[in-house]
């Protein structure tokens, strides 16, 4: 194991230089702990310090390539906040050209400097899975960005994760029309980028942590062929829980509930309030023509059946910044 930066640990097999570079990320937002819990379990197992109950108490061992665990925003994690300071957001700091941005232009902003530090690692990743959770109640979902038609391999790999809901953002509307998020940055540099939202951030149940960990192991074992499983004596073993048939492990793309982001709505100087019983959860449906909220005294409506995603909690409201995004149901 090599420590590349603060909170960045790379595992590879001695003498092996070929194979995929897989990057697993958690804690990009410091108040979203579930990704950190998954990384902790994987790190201890890869160090042979604690076996994985999700893999029949075996240890994963790198068989080819590398697996890098990234604790995204250590400063925010230490204080349990979304960013290192109010309204700071590491997951908006990855523009397409970040590798070419001189460090001298970054100033003292921690998130900008952390993104610059992580950029070479992310750009060289064949696969990045970024683990997040939401501030308001939500079913788990996968978000894929930047594709008019999602590549079949990316659909297959993302289908390992424990959800049937797929959120598509082909126009990068989360980043205001630009590449800005970790997974988008990887996609812009020819890798596969996946964001997984586990649901409400306060849900740190062991069952949920185990489910995500098991899915990540399936990706590493079946799809990337990057790991094998060994017992305490180092003997290679098969894990019944992880070595599933691919048909059993992955969600069929035709069975997924897909939504596409259609627009962002932002806070203006006129203020905003949600319509009654609207804005409290992700994927809440608002029928066409029904009020989503009020901008000043004016109703905010759209002419299609919409579903709200990432509705912001009031502490994140800021003039000219998003209050949330609207989606519509689509077929994959």
C-alpha atoms as a PDB file:
ATOM      1  CA  UNK A   1       0.000   0.000   0.000  1.00  0.00           C
ATOM      2  CA  UNK A   2       1.226   3.494  -0.883  1.00  0.00           C
ATOM      3  CA  UNK A   3      -0.078   6.742   0.573  1.00  0.00           C
ATOM      4  CA  UNK A   4      -0.192   9.135  -2.380  1.00  0.00           C
ATOM      5  CA  UNK A   5      -1.684  12.163  -0.589  1.00  0.00           C
ATOM      6  CA  UNK A   6      -3.631  12.833   2.580  1.00  0.00           C
ATOM      7  CA  UNK A   7      -6.465  10.327   2.608  1.00  0.00           C
ATOM      8  CA  UNK A   8      -5.363   8.649  -0.653  1.00  0.00           C
ATOM      9  CA  UNK A   9      -4.236   5.003  -0.499  1.00  0.00           C
ATOM     10  CA  UNK A  10      -3.208   2.920  -3.503  1.00  0.00           C
ATOM     11  CA  UNK A  11      -3.131  -0.854  -3.439  1.00  0.00           C
ATOM     12  CA  UNK A  12      -1.397  -2.785  -6.217  1.00  0.00           C
ATOM     13  CA  UNK A  13       0.358  -6.096  -6.706  1.00  0.00           C
ATOM     14  CA  UNK A  14       4.149  -6.088  -6.531  1.00  0.00           C
ATOM     15  CA  UNK A  15       5.683  -6.702  -9.932  1.00  0.00           C
ATOM     16  CA  UNK A  16       2.419  -6.203 -11.817  1.00  0.00           C
ATOM     17  CA  UNK A  17       2.036  -3.069 -13.925  1.00  0.00           C
ATOM     18  CA  UNK A  18      -0.820  -4.124 -16.213  1.00  0.00           C
ATOM     19  CA  UNK A  19      -4.518  -4.004 -15.485  1.00  0.00           C
ATOM     20  CA  UNK A  20      -7.159  -1.377 -14.734  1.00  0.00           C
ATOM     21  CA  UNK A  21      -6.756   1.578 -12.406  1.00  0.00           C
ATOM     22  CA  UNK A  22      -9.875   1.663 -10.219  1.00  0.00           C
ATOM     23  CA  UNK A  23     -10.584   4.599  -7.910  1.00  0.00           C
ATOM     24  CA  UNK A  24     -13.144   4.431  -5.109  1.00  0.00           C
ATOM     25  CA  UNK A  25     -14.129   7.731  -3.507  1.00  0.00           C
ATOM     26  CA  UNK A  26     -16.020   8.604  -0.336  1.00  0.00           C
ATOM     27  CA  UNK A  27     -16.411  11.699   1.794  1.00  0.00           C
ATOM     28  CA  UNK A  28     -16.273  14.279  -1.001  1.00  0.00           C
ATOM     29  CA  UNK A  29     -18.874  15.967   1.202  1.00  0.00           C
ATOM     30  CA  UNK A  30     -17.882  15.719   4.841  1.00  0.00           C
ATOM     31  CA  UNK A  31     -21.421  15.220   6.137  1.00  0.00           C
ATOM     32  CA  UNK A  32     -21.960  12.160   3.911  1.00  0.00           C
ATOM     33  CA  UNK A  33     -20.354   9.401   5.953  1.00  0.00           C
ATOM     34  CA  UNK A  34     -21.464   6.218   4.244  1.00  0.00           C
ATOM     35  CA  UNK A  35     -18.757   6.315   1.582  1.00  0.00           C
ATOM     36  CA  UNK A  36     -16.146   6.726   4.308  1.00  0.00           C
ATOM     37  CA  UNK A  37     -17.544   3.689   6.124  1.00  0.00           C
ATOM     38  CA  UNK A  38     -17.279   1.601   2.944  1.00  0.00           C
ATOM     39  CA  UNK A  39     -13.711   2.784   2.313  1.00  0.00           C
ATOM     40  CA  UNK A  40     -12.746   1.990   5.908  1.00  0.00           C
ATOM     41  CA  UNK A  41     -14.002  -1.587   5.536  1.00  0.00           C
ATOM     42  CA  UNK A  42     -12.184  -2.060   2.229  1.00  0.00           C
ATOM     43  CA  UNK A  43      -8.943  -0.493   3.480  1.00  0.00           C
ATOM     44  CA  UNK A  44      -8.790  -2.699   6.569  1.00  0.00           C
ATOM     45  CA  UNK A  45      -9.509  -5.772   4.454  1.00  0.00           C
ATOM     46  CA  UNK A  46      -6.898  -4.891   1.821  1.00  0.00           C
ATOM     47  CA  UNK A  47      -4.378  -4.368   4.644  1.00  0.00           C
ATOM     48  CA  UNK A  48      -5.340  -7.844   5.947  1.00  0.00           C
ATOM     49  CA  UNK A  49      -6.314  -6.246   9.266  1.00  0.00           C
ATOM     50  CA  UNK A  50      -9.992  -7.263   9.215  1.00  0.00           C
ATOM     51  CA  UNK A  51     -11.761  -9.735   6.909  1.00  0.00           C
ATOM     52  CA  UNK A  52     -14.960  -8.836   5.097  1.00  0.00           C
ATOM     53  CA  UNK A  53     -18.175 -10.339   6.410  1.00  0.00           C
ATOM     54  CA  UNK A  54     -19.628  -9.539   2.982  1.00  0.00           C
ATOM     55  CA  UNK A  55     -17.094 -11.935   1.444  1.00  0.00           C
ATOM     56  CA  UNK A  56     -17.381 -14.950   3.750  1.00  0.00           C
ATOM     57  CA  UNK A  57     -14.732 -13.451   6.063  1.00  0.00           C
ATOM     58  CA  UNK A  58     -12.118 -13.503   3.333  1.00  0.00           C
ATOM     59  CA  UNK A  59      -9.663 -10.791   2.313  1.00  0.00           C
ATOM     60  CA  UNK A  60      -9.544  -9.116  -1.116  1.00  0.00           C
ATOM     61  CA  UNK A  61      -6.104  -9.082  -2.726  1.00  0.00           C
ATOM     62  CA  UNK A  62      -5.127  -7.123  -5.812  1.00  0.00           C
ATOM     63  CA  UNK A  63      -4.550  -9.501  -8.713  1.00  0.00           C
ATOM     64  CA  UNK A  64      -3.804  -6.893 -11.390  1.00  0.00           C
ATOM     65  CA  UNK A  65      -3.867  -3.151 -11.884  1.00  0.00           C
ATOM     66  CA  UNK A  66      -4.527  -0.957  -8.868  1.00  0.00           C
ATOM     67  CA  UNK A  67      -7.300   0.009  -6.493  1.00  0.00           C
ATOM     68  CA  UNK A  68      -7.041   3.480  -4.971  1.00  0.00           C
ATOM     69  CA  UNK A  69      -9.166   4.571  -2.023  1.00  0.00           C
ATOM     70  CA  UNK A  70      -9.765   8.325  -1.848  1.00  0.00           C
ATOM     71  CA  UNK A  71     -11.176  10.044   1.224  1.00  0.00           C
ATOM     72  CA  UNK A  72     -12.255  13.040  -0.794  1.00  0.00           C
ATOM     73  CA  UNK A  73     -12.395  16.010   1.560  1.00  0.00           C
ATOM     74  CA  UNK A  74     -10.538  15.352   4.838  1.00  0.00           C
ATOM     75  CA  UNK A  75     -11.089  18.864   6.202  1.00  0.00           C
ATOM     76  CA  UNK A  76     -14.845  18.659   5.693  1.00  0.00           C
ATOM     77  CA  UNK A  77     -14.909  15.132   7.129  1.00  0.00           C
ATOM     78  CA  UNK A  78     -13.176  16.313  10.299  1.00  0.00           C
ATOM     79  CA  UNK A  79     -15.863  18.931  10.969  1.00  0.00           C
ATOM     80  CA  UNK A  80     -18.779  16.887   9.612  1.00  0.00           C
ATOM     81  CA  UNK A  81     -19.821  19.567   7.129  1.00  0.00           C
ATOM     82  CA  UNK A  82     -20.496  19.507   3.392  1.00  0.00           C
ATOM     83  CA  UNK A  83     -17.386  21.594   2.719  1.00  0.00           C
ATOM     84  CA  UNK A  84     -14.463  23.040   4.633  1.00  0.00           C
ATOM     85  CA  UNK A  85     -16.376  26.334   4.869  1.00  0.00           C
ATOM     86  CA  UNK A  86     -19.971  27.414   4.118  1.00  0.00           C
ATOM     87  CA  UNK A  87     -21.017  26.849   0.481  1.00  0.00           C
ATOM     88  CA  UNK A  88     -17.667  25.233  -0.426  1.00  0.00           C
ATOM     89  CA  UNK A  89     -18.231  22.171  -2.630  1.00  0.00           C
ATOM     90  CA  UNK A  90     -15.383  19.928  -3.750  1.00  0.00           C
ATOM     91  CA  UNK A  91     -17.745  18.232  -6.189  1.00  0.00           C
ATOM     92  CA  UNK A  92     -17.973  21.353  -8.349  1.00  0.00           C
ATOM     93  CA  UNK A  93     -14.196  21.803  -8.645  1.00  0.00           C
ATOM     94  CA  UNK A  94     -13.342  19.420 -11.511  1.00  0.00           C
ATOM     95  CA  UNK A  95     -13.593  21.310 -14.829  1.00  0.00           C
ATOM     96  CA  UNK A  96     -12.559  19.459 -17.952  1.00  0.00           C
ATOM     97  CA  UNK A  97      -9.283  21.433 -18.247  1.00  0.00           C
ATOM     98  CA  UNK A  98      -8.245  21.174 -14.576  1.00  0.00           C
ATOM     99  CA  UNK A  99      -4.969  19.432 -15.440  1.00  0.00           C
ATOM    100  CA  UNK A 100      -3.930  22.539 -17.379  1.00  0.00           C
ATOM    101  CA  UNK A 101      -4.893  25.073 -14.706  1.00  0.00           C
ATOM    102  CA  UNK A 102      -1.746  26.563 -13.065  1.00  0.00           C
ATOM    103  CA  UNK A 103      -1.645  26.092  -9.301  1.00  0.00           C
ATOM    104  CA  UNK A 104      -0.692  29.750  -8.965  1.00  0.00           C
ATOM    105  CA  UNK A 105      -4.205  30.720 -10.095  1.00  0.00           C
ATOM    106  CA  UNK A 106      -6.020  28.673  -7.447  1.00  0.00           C
ATOM    107  CA  UNK A 107      -5.616  31.005  -4.483  1.00  0.00           C
ATOM    108  CA  UNK A 108      -6.052  29.642  -0.965  1.00  0.00           C
ATOM    109  CA  UNK A 109      -9.373  27.835  -1.470  1.00  0.00           C
ATOM    110  CA  UNK A 110      -8.959  24.357   0.032  1.00  0.00           C
ATOM    111  CA  UNK A 111     -11.459  22.580  -2.221  1.00  0.00           C
ATOM    112  CA  UNK A 112      -9.865  24.001  -5.377  1.00  0.00           C
ATOM    113  CA  UNK A 113      -6.413  22.894  -4.255  1.00  0.00           C
ATOM    114  CA  UNK A 114      -7.629  19.460  -3.207  1.00  0.00           C
ATOM    115  CA  UNK A 115      -9.267  18.994  -6.613  1.00  0.00           C
ATOM    116  CA  UNK A 116      -6.033  19.977  -8.352  1.00  0.00           C
ATOM    117  CA  UNK A 117      -4.156  17.459  -6.193  1.00  0.00           C
ATOM    118  CA  UNK A 118      -6.580  14.654  -7.068  1.00  0.00           C
ATOM    119  CA  UNK A 119      -6.964  15.512 -10.763  1.00  0.00           C
ATOM    120  CA  UNK A 120      -4.033  13.432 -12.156  1.00  0.00           C
ATOM    121  CA  UNK A 121      -5.237  10.365 -10.250  1.00  0.00           C
ATOM    122  CA  UNK A 122      -8.806  10.784 -11.456  1.00  0.00           C
ATOM    123  CA  UNK A 123      -7.767  11.487 -15.055  1.00  0.00           C
ATOM    124  CA  UNK A 124      -5.788   8.219 -15.163  1.00  0.00           C
ATOM    125  CA  UNK A 125      -8.630   6.121 -13.706  1.00  0.00           C
ATOM    126  CA  UNK A 126     -10.255   3.476 -15.875  1.00  0.00           C
ATOM    127  CA  UNK A 127     -13.165   3.429 -13.425  1.00  0.00           C
ATOM    128  CA  UNK A 128     -14.165   5.788 -10.627  1.00  0.00           C
ATOM    129  CA  UNK A 129     -17.047   5.108  -8.253  1.00  0.00           C
ATOM    130  CA  UNK A 130     -17.907   8.090  -6.053  1.00  0.00           C
ATOM    131  CA  UNK A 131     -20.115   7.255  -3.060  1.00  0.00           C
ATOM    132  CA  UNK A 132     -22.520   9.947  -1.858  1.00  0.00           C
ATOM    133  CA  UNK A 133     -25.754  10.365   0.093  1.00  0.00           C
ATOM    134  CA  UNK A 134     -28.530  12.939   0.151  1.00  0.00           C
ATOM    135  CA  UNK A 135     -29.605  15.688   2.555  1.00  0.00           C
ATOM    136  CA  UNK A 136     -33.310  14.910   2.092  1.00  0.00           C
ATOM    137  CA  UNK A 137     -35.021  11.495   1.980  1.00  0.00           C
ATOM    138  CA  UNK A 138     -34.331   9.557  -1.197  1.00  0.00           C
ATOM    139  CA  UNK A 139     -34.260   6.064  -2.606  1.00  0.00           C
ATOM    140  CA  UNK A 140     -30.739   5.028  -3.634  1.00  0.00           C
ATOM    141  CA  UNK A 141     -29.818   5.866  -7.222  1.00  0.00           C
ATOM    142  CA  UNK A 142     -26.978   5.947  -9.729  1.00  0.00           C
ATOM    143  CA  UNK A 143     -26.146   9.148 -11.604  1.00  0.00           C
ATOM    144  CA  UNK A 144     -24.391   9.014 -14.997  1.00  0.00           C
ATOM    145  CA  UNK A 145     -23.449  12.229 -16.792  1.00  0.00           C
ATOM    146  CA  UNK A 146     -22.435  13.380 -20.249  1.00  0.00           C
ATOM    147  CA  UNK A 147     -23.929  10.644 -22.443  1.00  0.00           C
ATOM    148  CA  UNK A 148     -26.707  10.867 -25.002  1.00  0.00           C
ATOM    149  CA  UNK A 149     -26.420   7.073 -25.110  1.00  0.00           C
ATOM    150  CA  UNK A 150     -24.736   5.455 -22.128  1.00  0.00           C
ATOM    151  CA  UNK A 151     -22.051   2.886 -23.114  1.00  0.00           C
ATOM    152  CA  UNK A 152     -23.142  -0.683 -22.462  1.00  0.00           C
ATOM    153  CA  UNK A 153     -20.167  -1.442 -20.197  1.00  0.00           C
ATOM    154  CA  UNK A 154     -20.952   1.563 -18.017  1.00  0.00           C
ATOM    155  CA  UNK A 155     -24.589   0.501 -17.775  1.00  0.00           C
ATOM    156  CA  UNK A 156     -23.482  -2.984 -16.781  1.00  0.00           C
ATOM    157  CA  UNK A 157     -20.961  -1.880 -14.159  1.00  0.00           C
ATOM    158  CA  UNK A 158     -23.285   0.718 -12.635  1.00  0.00           C
ATOM    159  CA  UNK A 159     -26.011  -1.935 -12.536  1.00  0.00           C
ATOM    160  CA  UNK A 160     -24.059  -3.770  -9.840  1.00  0.00           C
ATOM    161  CA  UNK A 161     -24.838  -1.049  -7.325  1.00  0.00           C
ATOM    162  CA  UNK A 162     -27.882  -1.624  -5.095  1.00  0.00           C
ATOM    163  CA  UNK A 163     -30.602   0.339  -6.887  1.00  0.00           C
ATOM    164  CA  UNK A 164     -32.798   0.198  -9.977  1.00  0.00           C
ATOM    165  CA  UNK A 165     -33.038   3.986 -10.293  1.00  0.00           C
ATOM    166  CA  UNK A 166     -30.832   5.699 -12.864  1.00  0.00           C
ATOM    167  CA  UNK A 167     -30.458   9.477 -13.089  1.00  0.00           C
ATOM    168  CA  UNK A 168     -29.056  10.702 -16.411  1.00  0.00           C
ATOM    169  CA  UNK A 169     -27.484  14.124 -16.918  1.00  0.00           C
ATOM    170  CA  UNK A 170     -26.399  14.188 -20.584  1.00  0.00           C
ATOM    171  CA  UNK A 171     -26.016  17.982 -20.660  1.00  0.00           C
ATOM    172  CA  UNK A 172     -24.086  18.315 -17.377  1.00  0.00           C
ATOM    173  CA  UNK A 173     -26.873  20.402 -15.854  1.00  0.00           C
ATOM    174  CA  UNK A 174     -25.730  19.554 -12.325  1.00  0.00           C
ATOM    175  CA  UNK A 175     -22.582  21.518 -13.168  1.00  0.00           C
ATOM    176  CA  UNK A 176     -24.520  24.337 -14.872  1.00  0.00           C
ATOM    177  CA  UNK A 177     -23.766  22.956 -18.327  1.00  0.00           C
ATOM    178  CA  UNK A 178     -20.100  22.156 -17.719  1.00  0.00           C
ATOM    179  CA  UNK A 179     -18.000  19.220 -16.558  1.00  0.00           C
ATOM    180  CA  UNK A 180     -17.558  19.865 -12.826  1.00  0.00           C
ATOM    181  CA  UNK A 181     -18.059  16.673 -10.790  1.00  0.00           C
ATOM    182  CA  UNK A 182     -15.609  13.863 -10.048  1.00  0.00           C
ATOM    183  CA  UNK A 183     -17.326  11.262 -12.215  1.00  0.00           C
ATOM    184  CA  UNK A 184     -17.776  13.740 -15.080  1.00  0.00           C
ATOM    185  CA  UNK A 185     -14.078  14.615 -14.980  1.00  0.00           C
ATOM    186  CA  UNK A 186     -13.159  10.937 -15.274  1.00  0.00           C
ATOM    187  CA  UNK A 187     -15.581  10.524 -18.185  1.00  0.00           C
ATOM    188  CA  UNK A 188     -14.051  13.547 -19.920  1.00  0.00           C
ATOM    189  CA  UNK A 189     -10.658  11.800 -19.712  1.00  0.00           C
ATOM    190  CA  UNK A 190     -11.811   8.520 -21.291  1.00  0.00           C
ATOM    191  CA  UNK A 191     -12.586   6.627 -18.076  1.00  0.00           C
ATOM    192  CA  UNK A 192     -15.882   5.395 -16.648  1.00  0.00           C
ATOM    193  CA  UNK A 193     -17.297   7.632 -13.929  1.00  0.00           C
ATOM    194  CA  UNK A 194     -20.168   6.605 -11.649  1.00  0.00           C
ATOM    195  CA  UNK A 195     -21.837   8.525  -8.836  1.00  0.00           C
ATOM    196  CA  UNK A 196     -23.840   6.426  -6.390  1.00  0.00           C
ATOM    197  CA  UNK A 197     -26.280   8.126  -4.028  1.00  0.00           C
ATOM    198  CA  UNK A 198     -27.087   5.786  -1.145  1.00  0.00           C
ATOM    199  CA  UNK A 199     -30.124   7.649   0.189  1.00  0.00           C
ATOM    200  CA  UNK A 200     -30.471   9.825   3.274  1.00  0.00           C
ATOM    201  CA  UNK A 201     -27.079  10.712   4.772  1.00  0.00           C
ATOM    202  CA  UNK A 202     -28.161   9.811   8.299  1.00  0.00           C
ATOM    203  CA  UNK A 203     -28.839   6.191   7.268  1.00  0.00           C
ATOM    204  CA  UNK A 204     -25.581   4.501   8.227  1.00  0.00           C
ATOM    205  CA  UNK A 205     -27.100   1.097   8.861  1.00  0.00           C
ATOM    206  CA  UNK A 206     -24.720  -1.829   8.680  1.00  0.00           C
ATOM    207  CA  UNK A 207     -27.016  -3.502   6.168  1.00  0.00           C
ATOM    208  CA  UNK A 208     -26.658  -0.554   3.805  1.00  0.00           C
ATOM    209  CA  UNK A 209     -22.884  -0.357   4.254  1.00  0.00           C
ATOM    210  CA  UNK A 210     -22.598  -4.104   3.602  1.00  0.00           C
ATOM    211  CA  UNK A 211     -24.806  -3.902   0.512  1.00  0.00           C
ATOM    212  CA  UNK A 212     -22.663  -1.169  -1.053  1.00  0.00           C
ATOM    213  CA  UNK A 213     -19.422  -2.911  -0.081  1.00  0.00           C
ATOM    214  CA  UNK A 214     -20.615  -6.175  -1.626  1.00  0.00           C
ATOM    215  CA  UNK A 215     -21.563  -4.390  -4.852  1.00  0.00           C
ATOM    216  CA  UNK A 216     -18.168  -2.696  -5.077  1.00  0.00           C
ATOM    217  CA  UNK A 217     -16.465  -6.058  -4.580  1.00  0.00           C
ATOM    218  CA  UNK A 218     -18.570  -7.526  -7.384  1.00  0.00           C
ATOM    219  CA  UNK A 219     -17.423  -4.732  -9.699  1.00  0.00           C
ATOM    220  CA  UNK A 220     -13.782  -5.272  -8.751  1.00  0.00           C
ATOM    221  CA  UNK A 221     -14.036  -9.054  -9.087  1.00  0.00           C
ATOM    222  CA  UNK A 222     -16.379  -9.634 -12.035  1.00  0.00           C
ATOM    223  CA  UNK A 223     -16.078  -6.542 -14.210  1.00  0.00           C
ATOM    224  CA  UNK A 224     -12.583  -5.168 -13.617  1.00  0.00           C
ATOM    225  CA  UNK A 225     -10.973  -8.526 -12.696  1.00  0.00           C
ATOM    226  CA  UNK A 226      -8.760  -6.569 -10.315  1.00  0.00           C
ATOM    227  CA  UNK A 227      -9.023  -8.682  -7.152  1.00  0.00           C
ATOM    228  CA  UNK A 228      -9.009 -12.237  -5.877  1.00  0.00           C
ATOM    229  CA  UNK A 229     -10.029 -13.519  -2.457  1.00  0.00           C
ATOM    230  CA  UNK A 230      -7.683 -15.151   0.051  1.00  0.00           C
ATOM    231  CA  UNK A 231      -8.036 -16.590   3.527  1.00  0.00           C
ATOM    232  CA  UNK A 232      -5.978 -15.609   6.575  1.00  0.00           C
ATOM    233  CA  UNK A 233      -3.133 -17.840   5.360  1.00  0.00           C
ATOM    234  CA  UNK A 234      -3.050 -16.203   1.931  1.00  0.00           C
ATOM    235  CA  UNK A 235      -4.624 -19.128   0.090  1.00  0.00           C
ATOM    236  CA  UNK A 236      -6.870 -18.185  -2.827  1.00  0.00           C
ATOM    237  CA  UNK A 237     -10.506 -18.983  -2.125  1.00  0.00           C
ATOM    238  CA  UNK A 238     -13.822 -18.476  -3.867  1.00  0.00           C
ATOM    239  CA  UNK A 239     -16.391 -16.354  -2.067  1.00  0.00           C
ATOM    240  CA  UNK A 240     -19.948 -17.494  -2.604  1.00  0.00           C
ATOM    241  CA  UNK A 241     -21.253 -14.059  -1.644  1.00  0.00           C
ATOM    242  CA  UNK A 242     -19.060 -12.204  -4.120  1.00  0.00           C
ATOM    243  CA  UNK A 243     -18.500 -14.703  -6.919  1.00  0.00           C
ATOM    244  CA  UNK A 244     -22.070 -14.421  -8.165  1.00  0.00           C
ATOM    245  CA  UNK A 245     -23.118 -15.228 -11.677  1.00  0.00           C
ATOM    246  CA  UNK A 246     -23.193 -11.974 -13.603  1.00  0.00           C
ATOM    247  CA  UNK A 247     -26.863 -12.459 -14.470  1.00  0.00           C
ATOM    248  CA  UNK A 248     -27.669 -12.596 -10.766  1.00  0.00           C
ATOM    249  CA  UNK A 249     -25.420  -9.753  -9.679  1.00  0.00           C
ATOM    250  CA  UNK A 250     -26.197  -6.990 -12.146  1.00  0.00           C
ATOM    251  CA  UNK A 251     -29.455  -5.143 -12.731  1.00  0.00           C
ATOM    252  CA  UNK A 252     -30.763  -5.581 -16.271  1.00  0.00           C
ATOM    253  CA  UNK A 253     -30.735  -2.178 -17.971  1.00  0.00           C
ATOM    254  CA  UNK A 254     -34.259  -2.733 -19.281  1.00  0.00           C
ATOM    255  CA  UNK A 255     -35.586  -3.031 -15.721  1.00  0.00           C
ATOM    256  CA  UNK A 256     -34.155   0.269 -14.506  1.00  0.00           C
ATOM    257  CA  UNK A 257     -36.273   3.305 -13.723  1.00  0.00           C
ATOM    258  CA  UNK A 258     -34.526   6.084 -15.636  1.00  0.00           C
ATOM    259  CA  UNK A 259     -34.886   9.832 -15.234  1.00  0.00           C
ATOM    260  CA  UNK A 260     -33.202  12.599 -17.226  1.00  0.00           C
ATOM    261  CA  UNK A 261     -32.411  16.004 -15.767  1.00  0.00           C
ATOM    262  CA  UNK A 262     -34.272  18.654 -17.758  1.00  0.00           C
ATOM    263  CA  UNK A 263     -33.533  21.908 -15.962  1.00  0.00           C
ATOM    264  CA  UNK A 264     -32.063  23.591 -12.913  1.00  0.00           C
ATOM    265  CA  UNK A 265     -33.937  26.173 -10.878  1.00  0.00           C
ATOM    266  CA  UNK A 266     -32.037  28.732  -8.809  1.00  0.00           C
ATOM    267  CA  UNK A 267     -32.655  31.116  -5.953  1.00  0.00           C
ATOM    268  CA  UNK A 268     -33.176  34.702  -7.078  1.00  0.00           C
ATOM    269  CA  UNK A 269     -33.302  37.957  -5.135  1.00  0.00           C
ATOM    270  CA  UNK A 270     -37.093  37.613  -5.247  1.00  0.00           C
ATOM    271  CA  UNK A 271     -36.872  34.678  -2.846  1.00  0.00           C
ATOM    272  CA  UNK A 272     -38.442  31.240  -3.076  1.00  0.00           C
ATOM    273  CA  UNK A 273     -40.770  29.000  -1.151  1.00  0.00           C
ATOM    274  CA  UNK A 274     -41.893  25.491  -1.957  1.00  0.00           C
ATOM    275  CA  UNK A 275     -45.513  24.756  -2.733  1.00  0.00           C
ATOM    276  CA  UNK A 276     -47.374  22.885  -0.001  1.00  0.00           C
ATOM    277  CA  UNK A 277     -45.988  19.364   0.515  1.00  0.00           C
ATOM    278  CA  UNK A 278     -43.364  19.832  -2.225  1.00  0.00           C
ATOM    279  CA  UNK A 279     -39.573  19.807  -1.895  1.00  0.00           C
ATOM    280  CA  UNK A 280     -39.167  17.393   0.995  1.00  0.00           C
ATOM    281  CA  UNK A 281     -37.755  14.390  -0.887  1.00  0.00           C
ATOM    282  CA  UNK A 282     -35.971  13.260  -4.035  1.00  0.00           C
ATOM    283  CA  UNK A 283     -37.937  12.031  -7.063  1.00  0.00           C
ATOM    284  CA  UNK A 284     -41.144  13.617  -5.791  1.00  0.00           C
ATOM    285  CA  UNK A 285     -43.515  13.900  -8.742  1.00  0.00           C
ATOM    286  CA  UNK A 286     -45.226  17.189  -9.550  1.00  0.00           C
ATOM    287  CA  UNK A 287     -47.880  16.951 -12.295  1.00  0.00           C
ATOM    288  CA  UNK A 288     -47.631  19.267 -15.297  1.00  0.00           C
ATOM    289  CA  UNK A 289     -48.983  22.718 -14.538  1.00  0.00           C
ATOM    290  CA  UNK A 290     -49.023  22.206 -10.777  1.00  0.00           C
ATOM    291  CA  UNK A 291     -46.941  24.629  -8.675  1.00  0.00           C
ATOM    292  CA  UNK A 292     -43.501  23.446  -7.656  1.00  0.00           C
ATOM    293  CA  UNK A 293     -42.959  26.593  -5.646  1.00  0.00           C
ATOM    294  CA  UNK A 294     -43.254  30.348  -5.694  1.00  0.00           C
ATOM    295  CA  UNK A 295     -40.681  32.910  -6.853  1.00  0.00           C
ATOM    296  CA  UNK A 296     -41.846  35.955  -4.990  1.00  0.00           C
ATOM    297  CA  UNK A 297     -45.601  35.807  -5.596  1.00  0.00           C
ATOM    298  CA  UNK A 298     -45.302  34.063  -8.985  1.00  0.00           C
ATOM    299  CA  UNK A 299     -46.001  30.349  -9.340  1.00  0.00           C
ATOM    300  CA  UNK A 300     -43.143  28.207 -10.648  1.00  0.00           C
ATOM    301  CA  UNK A 301     -44.590  25.501 -12.916  1.00  0.00           C
ATOM    302  CA  UNK A 302     -43.522  23.433 -15.924  1.00  0.00           C
ATOM    303  CA  UNK A 303     -45.620  21.930 -18.721  1.00  0.00           C
ATOM    304  CA  UNK A 304     -44.570  18.310 -18.131  1.00  0.00           C
ATOM    305  CA  UNK A 305     -44.795  15.793 -15.299  1.00  0.00           C
ATOM    306  CA  UNK A 306     -41.582  16.443 -13.401  1.00  0.00           C
ATOM    307  CA  UNK A 307     -39.666  14.777 -10.588  1.00  0.00           C
ATOM    308  CA  UNK A 308     -37.510  16.872  -8.261  1.00  0.00           C
ATOM    309  CA  UNK A 309     -33.937  15.783  -7.466  1.00  0.00           C
ATOM    310  CA  UNK A 310     -31.399  17.224  -5.029  1.00  0.00           C
ATOM    311  CA  UNK A 311     -33.802  19.718  -3.400  1.00  0.00           C
ATOM    312  CA  UNK A 312     -31.519  21.880  -1.287  1.00  0.00           C
ATOM    313  CA  UNK A 313     -31.876  22.257   2.456  1.00  0.00           C
ATOM    314  CA  UNK A 314     -32.185  25.926   3.512  1.00  0.00           C
ATOM    315  CA  UNK A 315     -28.632  26.072   4.875  1.00  0.00           C
ATOM    316  CA  UNK A 316     -27.377  25.580   1.299  1.00  0.00           C
ATOM    317  CA  UNK A 317     -29.581  28.269  -0.251  1.00  0.00           C
ATOM    318  CA  UNK A 318     -27.628  31.061  -1.921  1.00  0.00           C
ATOM    319  CA  UNK A 319     -28.738  33.663  -4.469  1.00  0.00           C
ATOM    320  CA  UNK A 320     -27.908  32.527  -8.026  1.00  0.00           C
ATOM    321  CA  UNK A 321     -27.199  28.978  -6.783  1.00  0.00           C
ATOM    322  CA  UNK A 322     -29.406  25.931  -7.457  1.00  0.00           C
ATOM    323  CA  UNK A 323     -32.405  25.130  -5.297  1.00  0.00           C
ATOM    324  CA  UNK A 324     -32.837  21.814  -7.096  1.00  0.00           C
ATOM    325  CA  UNK A 325     -33.236  20.164 -10.480  1.00  0.00           C
ATOM    326  CA  UNK A 326     -36.197  18.823 -12.424  1.00  0.00           C
ATOM    327  CA  UNK A 327     -36.260  15.509 -14.270  1.00  0.00           C
ATOM    328  CA  UNK A 328     -38.632  13.516 -16.439  1.00  0.00           C
ATOM    329  CA  UNK A 329     -39.011   9.767 -16.887  1.00  0.00           C
ATOM    330  CA  UNK A 330     -37.180   8.306 -19.901  1.00  0.00           C
ATOM    331  CA  UNK A 331     -36.339   4.876 -21.295  1.00  0.00           C
ATOM    332  CA  UNK A 332     -32.765   3.561 -21.236  1.00  0.00           C
END
